[in-house]
Structure formats: structure tokens, C-alpha cells
Amino acid sequence: MRAMQNGDVVLDNCFVPDKNKLTHAKNFATGTNKILEASRLTIAWGAAGIAAGAYEAALKYTLNRV
């Protein structure tokens, strides 16, 4: 499962006008860590749910087979 696409964006000698700057984005490391933490938890819960469903299906099959 690929939770997010990763890529590198390189801007060299790029001018961004003040009106186009993200004023609240000051510390990208903190914001990125929050997103990664939330997405990793979601992936873990999804995997746990899939495993539980596979277990229940296998149990149902083995108890009903002759």
C-alpha cells in the first residue's frame, strides 16, 4: 500500500511574490511529521482490519468444510 507519493521538487533562482507565500507555513518539518503520523496510523488500522477479515473468513471456512 502506497500511502503517499514521494517526489523531489527543486526550485532554483525562483522568485515568489509576498502575496503568494504561505504565511502560516513556517516549520515544514513539524507539519510533515504530523501528516506522516496520521497517515501511518491510518495504514496500520487498515492492515489490522484486513487481517481480521481474513482470519474471520478462514475460520468460517474451516468450521464449515466437510
Protein backbone atom coordinates (compact mmCIF):
# COMPACT_ATOMS: atom_id res chain seq x y z
CA MET A 1 0.00 0.00 0.00
CA ARG A 2 1.44 3.32 -1.01
CA ALA A 3 0.17 5.93 1.43
CA MET A 4 1.51 8.92 -0.42
CA GLN A 5 3.51 9.80 -3.46
CA ASN A 6 7.02 10.98 -2.75
CA GLY A 7 8.97 13.24 -5.01
CA ASP A 8 11.55 15.98 -5.07
CA VAL A 9 10.71 19.49 -6.13
CA VAL A 10 13.69 21.74 -6.77
CA LEU A 11 13.23 25.47 -7.31
CA ASP A 12 16.45 27.23 -8.24
CA ASN A 13 16.51 31.03 -8.55
CA CYS A 14 12.74 31.17 -8.18
CA PHE A 15 11.00 34.40 -7.14
CA VAL A 16 7.74 34.16 -5.19
CA PRO A 17 5.80 37.39 -4.59
CA ASP A 18 4.82 38.10 -0.99
CA LYS A 19 1.11 37.78 -1.81
CA ASN A 20 1.69 34.17 -2.98
CA LYS A 21 3.73 32.97 0.01
CA LEU A 22 2.23 30.63 2.59
CA THR A 23 2.22 32.83 5.67
CA HIS A 24 1.39 30.08 8.19
CA ALA A 25 3.86 27.53 6.82
CA LYS A 26 6.94 28.37 8.84
CA ASN A 27 8.22 24.98 10.00
CA PHE A 28 7.77 22.34 7.33
CA ALA A 29 9.39 19.58 9.42
CA THR A 30 6.71 19.78 12.12
CA GLY A 31 3.83 19.86 9.64
CA THR A 32 5.24 16.96 7.66
CA ASN A 33 5.67 14.86 10.79
CA LYS A 34 2.01 15.39 11.74
CA ILE A 35 0.83 14.26 8.30
CA LEU A 36 3.12 11.22 8.30
CA GLU A 37 1.98 10.23 11.79
CA ALA A 38 -1.70 10.41 10.82
CA SER A 39 -1.22 8.55 7.54
CA ARG A 40 0.85 5.79 9.15
CA LEU A 41 -1.84 5.23 11.77
CA THR A 42 -4.48 5.00 9.05
CA ILE A 43 -2.43 2.44 7.11
CA ALA A 44 -1.87 0.40 10.28
CA TRP A 45 -5.59 0.33 11.12
CA GLY A 46 -6.40 -0.65 7.54
CA ALA A 47 -3.92 -3.53 7.66
CA ALA A 48 -5.31 -4.69 11.02
CA GLY A 49 -8.85 -4.66 9.60
CA ILE A 50 -7.79 -6.65 6.54
CA ALA A 51 -6.03 -9.20 8.75
CA ALA A 52 -9.10 -9.55 11.00
CA GLY A 53 -11.34 -10.06 7.96
CA ALA A 54 -9.00 -12.70 6.53
CA TYR A 55 -8.92 -14.51 9.88
CA GLU A 56 -12.73 -14.49 10.16
CA ALA A 57 -13.15 -15.76 6.59
CA ALA A 58 -10.60 -18.55 7.16
CA LEU A 59 -12.23 -19.53 10.46
CA LYS A 60 -15.69 -19.63 8.87
CA TYR A 61 -14.37 -21.75 6.00
CA THR A 62 -12.57 -24.25 8.25
CA LEU A 63 -15.54 -24.68 10.59
CA ASN A 64 -18.00 -25.30 7.74
CA ARG A 65 -15.97 -27.60 5.50
CA VAL A 66 -16.63 -31.29 5.45
